[in-house]
Amino acid sequence: MALLLPAEGRWKERHKQEKQSVLRMEFKRFVNAFVRVPALVIRGGRRVVFKLLSWNPWQSVLLRAADALRWPLRC
């Protein structure tokens, strides 16, 4: 996931630091920050909406990763 994070734009240096932090993160901390996120899943009208129910410091990284994963992968 961390390898797909974009590091560009106005906050390029900050995004690079976050990317390196995610790459160096141990597995237990990664799971707690990105996998065990309380969310409400709403299905309706041919779409799925995820509502995050709590905040954590890694939320911005998670949302940037979700945007990066939304587009087709270029192999």
PDB file of N, CA and C in Angstrom:
ATOM      1  N   MET A   1       0.818  -1.180   0.000  1.00  0.00           N
ATOM      2  CA  MET A   1       0.000   0.000   0.000  1.00  0.00           C
ATOM      3  C   MET A   1       0.871   1.257   0.000  1.00  0.00           C
ATOM      4  N   ALA A   2       1.918   1.254   0.787  1.00  0.00           N
ATOM      5  CA  ALA A   2       2.752   2.454   0.894  1.00  0.00           C
ATOM      6  C   ALA A   2       3.465   2.766  -0.412  1.00  0.00           C
ATOM      7  N   LEU A   3       3.782   1.749  -1.186  1.00  0.00           N
ATOM      8  CA  LEU A   3       4.477   1.996  -2.445  1.00  0.00           C
ATOM      9  C   LEU A   3       3.581   2.688  -3.466  1.00  0.00           C
ATOM     10  N   LEU A   4       2.264   2.573  -3.308  1.00  0.00           N
ATOM     11  CA  LEU A   4       1.329   3.206  -4.236  1.00  0.00           C
ATOM     12  C   LEU A   4       0.958   4.634  -3.838  1.00  0.00           C
ATOM     13  N   LEU A   5       1.394   5.075  -2.658  1.00  0.00           N
ATOM     14  CA  LEU A   5       1.038   6.419  -2.204  1.00  0.00           C
ATOM     15  C   LEU A   5       1.722   7.480  -3.064  1.00  0.00           C
ATOM     16  N   PRO A   6       0.954   8.417  -3.607  1.00  0.00           N
ATOM     17  CA  PRO A   6       1.572   9.483  -4.399  1.00  0.00           C
ATOM     18  C   PRO A   6       2.262  10.502  -3.489  1.00  0.00           C
ATOM     19  N   ALA A   7       3.409  10.994  -3.919  1.00  0.00           N
ATOM     20  CA  ALA A   7       4.132  12.033  -3.175  1.00  0.00           C
ATOM     21  C   ALA A   7       4.372  13.198  -4.124  1.00  0.00           C
ATOM     22  N   GLU A   8       3.337  13.970  -4.338  1.00  0.00           N
ATOM     23  CA  GLU A   8       3.440  15.090  -5.269  1.00  0.00           C
ATOM     24  C   GLU A   8       2.542  16.215  -4.803  1.00  0.00           C
ATOM     25  N   GLY A   9       2.720  17.351  -5.417  1.00  0.00           N
ATOM     26  CA  GLY A   9       1.873  18.491  -5.104  1.00  0.00           C
ATOM     27  C   GLY A   9       2.480  19.394  -4.046  1.00  0.00           C
ATOM     28  N   ARG A  10       1.635  20.189  -3.444  1.00  0.00           N
ATOM     29  CA  ARG A  10       2.060  21.203  -2.488  1.00  0.00           C
ATOM     30  C   ARG A  10       2.722  20.600  -1.257  1.00  0.00           C
ATOM     31  N   TRP A  11       2.241  19.446  -0.807  1.00  0.00           N
ATOM     32  CA  TRP A  11       2.724  18.826   0.424  1.00  0.00           C
ATOM     33  C   TRP A  11       3.666  17.659   0.125  1.00  0.00           C
ATOM     34  N   LYS A  12       4.488  17.801  -0.897  1.00  0.00           N
ATOM     35  CA  LYS A  12       5.343  16.712  -1.370  1.00  0.00           C
ATOM     36  C   LYS A  12       6.270  16.176  -0.276  1.00  0.00           C
ATOM     37  N   GLU A  13       6.925  17.046   0.460  1.00  0.00           N
ATOM     38  CA  GLU A  13       7.860  16.598   1.507  1.00  0.00           C
ATOM     39  C   GLU A  13       7.127  15.862   2.623  1.00  0.00           C
ATOM     40  N   ARG A  14       5.989  16.387   3.026  1.00  0.00           N
ATOM     41  CA  ARG A  14       5.199  15.731   4.078  1.00  0.00           C
ATOM     42  C   ARG A  14       4.717  14.358   3.614  1.00  0.00           C
ATOM     43  N   HIS A  15       4.271  14.265   2.367  1.00  0.00           N
ATOM     44  CA  HIS A  15       3.807  12.990   1.828  1.00  0.00           C
ATOM     45  C   HIS A  15       4.949  11.986   1.734  1.00  0.00           C
ATOM     46  N   LYS A  16       6.147  12.450   1.392  1.00  0.00           N
ATOM     47  CA  LYS A  16       7.307  11.553   1.361  1.00  0.00           C
ATOM     48  C   LYS A  16       7.610  11.006   2.752  1.00  0.00           C
ATOM     49  N   GLN A  17       7.545  11.865   3.763  1.00  0.00           N
ATOM     50  CA  GLN A  17       7.800  11.433   5.138  1.00  0.00           C
ATOM     51  C   GLN A  17       6.752  10.427   5.598  1.00  0.00           C
ATOM     52  N   GLU A  18       5.488  10.681   5.283  1.00  0.00           N
ATOM     53  CA  GLU A  18       4.427   9.742   5.653  1.00  0.00           C
ATOM     54  C   GLU A  18       4.615   8.405   4.953  1.00  0.00           C
ATOM     55  N   LYS A  19       5.014   8.442   3.699  1.00  0.00           N
ATOM     56  CA  LYS A  19       5.245   7.219   2.936  1.00  0.00           C
ATOM     57  C   LYS A  19       6.362   6.394   3.574  1.00  0.00           C
ATOM     58  N   GLN A  20       7.452   7.050   3.947  1.00  0.00           N
ATOM     59  CA  GLN A  20       8.552   6.345   4.602  1.00  0.00           C
ATOM     60  C   GLN A  20       8.128   5.800   5.965  1.00  0.00           C
ATOM     61  N   SER A  21       7.309   6.544   6.690  1.00  0.00           N
ATOM     62  CA  SER A  21       6.822   6.071   7.987  1.00  0.00           C
ATOM     63  C   SER A  21       5.966   4.823   7.835  1.00  0.00           C
ATOM     64  N   VAL A  22       5.113   4.800   6.822  1.00  0.00           N
ATOM     65  CA  VAL A  22       4.267   3.625   6.591  1.00  0.00           C
ATOM     66  C   VAL A  22       5.127   2.435   6.176  1.00  0.00           C
ATOM     67  N   LEU A  23       6.147   2.676   5.363  1.00  0.00           N
ATOM     68  CA  LEU A  23       7.032   1.590   4.937  1.00  0.00           C
ATOM     69  C   LEU A  23       7.800   0.988   6.112  1.00  0.00           C
ATOM     70  N   ARG A  24       8.179   1.816   7.081  1.00  0.00           N
ATOM     71  CA  ARG A  24       8.945   1.337   8.231  1.00  0.00           C
ATOM     72  C   ARG A  24       8.073   0.845   9.382  1.00  0.00           C
ATOM     73  N   MET A  25       6.777   0.999   9.251  1.00  0.00           N
ATOM     74  CA  MET A  25       5.847   0.652  10.323  1.00  0.00           C
ATOM     75  C   MET A  25       5.819  -0.859  10.562  1.00  0.00           C
ATOM     76  N   GLU A  26       5.799  -1.261  11.827  1.00  0.00           N
ATOM     77  CA  GLU A  26       5.676  -2.689  12.119  1.00  0.00           C
ATOM     78  C   GLU A  26       4.234  -3.138  11.880  1.00  0.00           C
ATOM     79  N   PHE A  27       4.069  -4.442  11.693  1.00  0.00           N
ATOM     80  CA  PHE A  27       2.787  -4.974  11.232  1.00  0.00           C
ATOM     81  C   PHE A  27       1.647  -4.681  12.202  1.00  0.00           C
ATOM     82  N   LYS A  28       1.865  -4.847  13.491  1.00  0.00           N
ATOM     83  CA  LYS A  28       0.797  -4.631  14.473  1.00  0.00           C
ATOM     84  C   LYS A  28       0.303  -3.181  14.436  1.00  0.00           C
ATOM     85  N   ARG A  29       1.222  -2.256  14.321  1.00  0.00           N
ATOM     86  CA  ARG A  29       0.844  -0.846  14.249  1.00  0.00           C
ATOM     87  C   ARG A  29       0.112  -0.543  12.939  1.00  0.00           C
ATOM     88  N   PHE A  30       0.564  -1.153  11.838  1.00  0.00           N
ATOM     89  CA  PHE A  30      -0.096  -0.975  10.547  1.00  0.00           C
ATOM     90  C   PHE A  30      -1.546  -1.454  10.608  1.00  0.00           C
ATOM     91  N   VAL A  31      -1.759  -2.630  11.194  1.00  0.00           N
ATOM     92  CA  VAL A  31      -3.115  -3.178  11.305  1.00  0.00           C
ATOM     93  C   VAL A  31      -3.993  -2.249  12.132  1.00  0.00           C
ATOM     94  N   ASN A  32      -3.483  -1.758  13.239  1.00  0.00           N
ATOM     95  CA  ASN A  32      -4.276  -0.867  14.087  1.00  0.00           C
ATOM     96  C   ASN A  32      -4.572   0.471  13.410  1.00  0.00           C
ATOM     97  N   ALA A  33      -3.668   0.946  12.570  1.00  0.00           N
ATOM     98  CA  ALA A  33      -3.854   2.251  11.935  1.00  0.00           C
ATOM     99  C   ALA A  33      -4.725   2.193  10.688  1.00  0.00           C
ATOM    100  N   PHE A  34      -4.623   1.085   9.908  1.00  0.00           N
ATOM    101  CA  PHE A  34      -5.278   1.063   8.602  1.00  0.00           C
ATOM    102  C   PHE A  34      -6.361   0.004   8.445  1.00  0.00           C
ATOM    103  N   VAL A  35      -6.284  -1.082   9.172  1.00  0.00           N
ATOM    104  CA  VAL A  35      -7.249  -2.168   8.978  1.00  0.00           C
ATOM    105  C   VAL A  35      -8.382  -2.086   9.988  1.00  0.00           C
ATOM    106  N   ARG A  36      -8.068  -1.825  11.215  1.00  0.00           N
ATOM    107  CA  ARG A  36      -9.091  -1.773  12.270  1.00  0.00           C
ATOM    108  C   ARG A  36      -9.681  -0.372  12.410  1.00  0.00           C
ATOM    109  N   VAL A  37     -10.168   0.137  11.326  1.00  0.00           N
ATOM    110  CA  VAL A  37     -10.794   1.459  11.316  1.00  0.00           C
ATOM    111  C   VAL A  37     -12.300   1.258  11.380  1.00  0.00           C
ATOM    112  N   PRO A  38     -12.950   1.759  12.432  1.00  0.00           N
ATOM    113  CA  PRO A  38     -14.399   1.605  12.494  1.00  0.00           C
ATOM    114  C   PRO A  38     -15.082   2.407  11.384  1.00  0.00           C
ATOM    115  N   ALA A  39     -15.895   1.707  10.614  1.00  0.00           N
ATOM    116  CA  ALA A  39     -16.559   2.355   9.483  1.00  0.00           C
ATOM    117  C   ALA A  39     -17.973   1.818   9.327  1.00  0.00           C
ATOM    118  N   LEU A  40     -18.829   2.640   8.788  1.00  0.00           N
ATOM    119  CA  LEU A  40     -20.198   2.272   8.477  1.00  0.00           C
ATOM    120  C   LEU A  40     -20.282   2.103   6.965  1.00  0.00           C
ATOM    121  N   VAL A  41     -20.748   0.937   6.516  1.00  0.00           N
ATOM    122  CA  VAL A  41     -20.855   0.651   5.086  1.00  0.00           C
ATOM    123  C   VAL A  41     -22.319   0.770   4.693  1.00  0.00           C
ATOM    124  N   ILE A  42     -22.596   1.650   3.751  1.00  0.00           N
ATOM    125  CA  ILE A  42     -23.967   1.891   3.299  1.00  0.00           C
ATOM    126  C   ILE A  42     -24.053   1.520   1.825  1.00  0.00           C
ATOM    127  N   ARG A  43     -24.943   0.588   1.513  1.00  0.00           N
ATOM    128  CA  ARG A  43     -25.159   0.175   0.125  1.00  0.00           C
ATOM    129  C   ARG A  43     -26.508   0.685  -0.337  1.00  0.00           C
ATOM    130  N   GLY A  44     -26.509   1.321  -1.480  1.00  0.00           N
ATOM    131  CA  GLY A  44     -27.774   1.795  -2.017  1.00  0.00           C
ATOM    132  C   GLY A  44     -27.584   2.526  -3.323  1.00  0.00           C
ATOM    133  N   GLY A  45     -28.517   2.336  -4.221  1.00  0.00           N
ATOM    134  CA  GLY A  45     -28.478   3.048  -5.491  1.00  0.00           C
ATOM    135  C   GLY A  45     -27.244   2.769  -6.321  1.00  0.00           C
ATOM    136  N   ARG A  46     -26.843   1.519  -6.420  1.00  0.00           N
ATOM    137  CA  ARG A  46     -25.687   1.086  -7.219  1.00  0.00           C
ATOM    138  C   ARG A  46     -24.358   1.656  -6.744  1.00  0.00           C
ATOM    139  N   ARG A  47     -24.261   2.018  -5.503  1.00  0.00           N
ATOM    140  CA  ARG A  47     -22.989   2.507  -4.990  1.00  0.00           C
ATOM    141  C   ARG A  47     -22.809   2.072  -3.541  1.00  0.00           C
ATOM    142  N   VAL A  48     -21.588   2.103  -3.111  1.00  0.00           N
ATOM    143  CA  VAL A  48     -21.245   1.757  -1.738  1.00  0.00           C
ATOM    144  C   VAL A  48     -20.552   2.965  -1.124  1.00  0.00           C
ATOM    145  N   VAL A  49     -21.030   3.390   0.046  1.00  0.00           N
ATOM    146  CA  VAL A  49     -20.462   4.542   0.738  1.00  0.00           C
ATOM    147  C   VAL A  49     -19.874   4.054   2.057  1.00  0.00           C
ATOM    148  N   PHE A  50     -18.625   4.433   2.318  1.00  0.00           N
ATOM    149  CA  PHE A  50     -17.965   4.104   3.578  1.00  0.00           C
ATOM    150  C   PHE A  50     -17.876   5.377   4.405  1.00  0.00           C
ATOM    151  N   LYS A  51     -18.440   5.351   5.602  1.00  0.00           N
ATOM    152  CA  LYS A  51     -18.346   6.490   6.512  1.00  0.00           C
ATOM    153  C   LYS A  51     -17.429   6.101   7.663  1.00  0.00           C
ATOM    154  N   LEU A  52     -16.351   6.847   7.828  1.00  0.00           N
ATOM    155  CA  LEU A  52     -15.424   6.578   8.919  1.00  0.00           C
ATOM    156  C   LEU A  52     -16.024   7.117  10.208  1.00  0.00           C
ATOM    157  N   LEU A  53     -16.043   6.278  11.240  1.00  0.00           N
ATOM    158  CA  LEU A  53     -16.710   6.639  12.484  1.00  0.00           C
ATOM    159  C   LEU A  53     -15.776   7.229  13.532  1.00  0.00           C
ATOM    160  N   SER A  54     -14.483   7.165  13.302  1.00  0.00           N
ATOM    161  CA  SER A  54     -13.540   7.765  14.240  1.00  0.00           C
ATOM    162  C   SER A  54     -12.355   8.327  13.470  1.00  0.00           C
ATOM    163  N   TRP A  55     -11.556   9.125  14.155  1.00  0.00           N
ATOM    164  CA  TRP A  55     -10.410   9.759  13.531  1.00  0.00           C
ATOM    165  C   TRP A  55      -9.142   9.148  14.097  1.00  0.00           C
ATOM    166  N   ASN A  56      -8.121   8.997  13.258  1.00  0.00           N
ATOM    167  CA  ASN A  56      -6.788   8.660  13.744  1.00  0.00           C
ATOM    168  C   ASN A  56      -5.770   9.456  12.938  1.00  0.00           C
ATOM    169  N   PRO A  57      -4.537   9.558  13.412  1.00  0.00           N
ATOM    170  CA  PRO A  57      -3.544  10.391  12.720  1.00  0.00           C
ATOM    171  C   PRO A  57      -3.208   9.918  11.307  1.00  0.00           C
ATOM    172  N   TRP A  58      -3.511   8.671  10.980  1.00  0.00           N
ATOM    173  CA  TRP A  58      -3.181   8.118   9.670  1.00  0.00           C
ATOM    174  C   TRP A  58      -4.346   8.193   8.692  1.00  0.00           C
ATOM    175  N   GLN A  59      -5.406   8.883   9.044  1.00  0.00           N
ATOM    176  CA  GLN A  59      -6.598   8.939   8.200  1.00  0.00           C
ATOM    177  C   GLN A  59      -6.313   9.591   6.843  1.00  0.00           C
ATOM    178  N   SER A  60      -5.529  10.638   6.819  1.00  0.00           N
ATOM    179  CA  SER A  60      -5.227  11.292   5.539  1.00  0.00           C
ATOM    180  C   SER A  60      -4.435  10.366   4.620  1.00  0.00           C
ATOM    181  N   VAL A  61      -3.533   9.576   5.195  1.00  0.00           N
ATOM    182  CA  VAL A  61      -2.755   8.623   4.400  1.00  0.00           C
ATOM    183  C   VAL A  61      -3.672   7.535   3.857  1.00  0.00           C
ATOM    184  N   LEU A  62      -4.590   7.067   4.680  1.00  0.00           N
ATOM    185  CA  LEU A  62      -5.548   6.044   4.254  1.00  0.00           C
ATOM    186  C   LEU A  62      -6.401   6.544   3.092  1.00  0.00           C
ATOM    187  N   LEU A  63      -6.865   7.767   3.161  1.00  0.00           N
ATOM    188  CA  LEU A  63      -7.703   8.315   2.096  1.00  0.00           C
ATOM    189  C   LEU A  63      -6.906   8.558   0.814  1.00  0.00           C
ATOM    190  N   ARG A  64      -5.644   8.985   0.938  1.00  0.00           N
ATOM    191  CA  ARG A  64      -4.805   9.125  -0.258  1.00  0.00           C
ATOM    192  C   ARG A  64      -4.543   7.771  -0.898  1.00  0.00           C
ATOM    193  N   ALA A  65      -4.344   6.742  -0.076  1.00  0.00           N
ATOM    194  CA  ALA A  65      -4.134   5.390  -0.611  1.00  0.00           C
ATOM    195  C   ALA A  65      -5.399   4.886  -1.300  1.00  0.00           C
ATOM    196  N   ALA A  66      -6.558   5.181  -0.724  1.00  0.00           N
ATOM    197  CA  ALA A  66      -7.815   4.761  -1.349  1.00  0.00           C
ATOM    198  C   ALA A  66      -7.985   5.433  -2.712  1.00  0.00           C
ATOM    199  N   ASP A  67      -7.629   6.707  -2.811  1.00  0.00           N
ATOM    200  CA  ASP A  67      -7.697   7.395  -4.109  1.00  0.00           C
ATOM    201  C   ASP A  67      -6.717   6.794  -5.106  1.00  0.00           C
ATOM    202  N   ALA A  68      -5.525   6.438  -4.641  1.00  0.00           N
ATOM    203  CA  ALA A  68      -4.527   5.843  -5.539  1.00  0.00           C
ATOM    204  C   ALA A  68      -4.968   4.462  -6.005  1.00  0.00           C
ATOM    205  N   LEU A  69      -5.636   3.709  -5.143  1.00  0.00           N
ATOM    206  CA  LEU A  69      -6.087   2.367  -5.507  1.00  0.00           C
ATOM    207  C   LEU A  69      -7.345   2.384  -6.365  1.00  0.00           C
ATOM    208  N   ARG A  70      -8.068   3.488  -6.360  1.00  0.00           N
ATOM    209  CA  ARG A  70      -9.299   3.579  -7.142  1.00  0.00           C
ATOM    210  C   ARG A  70      -9.013   3.512  -8.634  1.00  0.00           C
ATOM    211  N   TRP A  71      -7.922   4.108  -9.073  1.00  0.00           N
ATOM    212  CA  TRP A  71      -7.570   4.131 -10.490  1.00  0.00           C
ATOM    213  C   TRP A  71      -6.952   2.802 -10.886  1.00  0.00           C
ATOM    214  N   PRO A  72      -7.052   2.418 -12.159  1.00  0.00           N
ATOM    215  CA  PRO A  72      -6.458   1.145 -12.604  1.00  0.00           C
ATOM    216  C   PRO A  72      -4.942   1.156 -12.422  1.00  0.00           C
ATOM    217  N   LEU A  73      -4.416   0.003 -12.028  1.00  0.00           N
ATOM    218  CA  LEU A  73      -2.977  -0.114 -11.844  1.00  0.00           C
ATOM    219  C   LEU A  73      -2.282  -0.185 -13.195  1.00  0.00           C
ATOM    220  N   ARG A  74      -1.153   0.439 -13.286  1.00  0.00           N
ATOM    221  CA  ARG A  74      -0.365   0.403 -14.527  1.00  0.00           C
ATOM    222  C   ARG A  74       0.821  -0.512 -14.297  1.00  0.00           C
ATOM    223  N   CYS A  75       0.797  -1.648 -14.933  1.00  0.00           N
ATOM    224  CA  CYS A  75       1.877  -2.624 -14.759  1.00  0.00           C
ATOM    225  C   CYS A  75       2.797  -2.630 -15.950  1.00  0.00           C
TER     226      CYS A  75
END
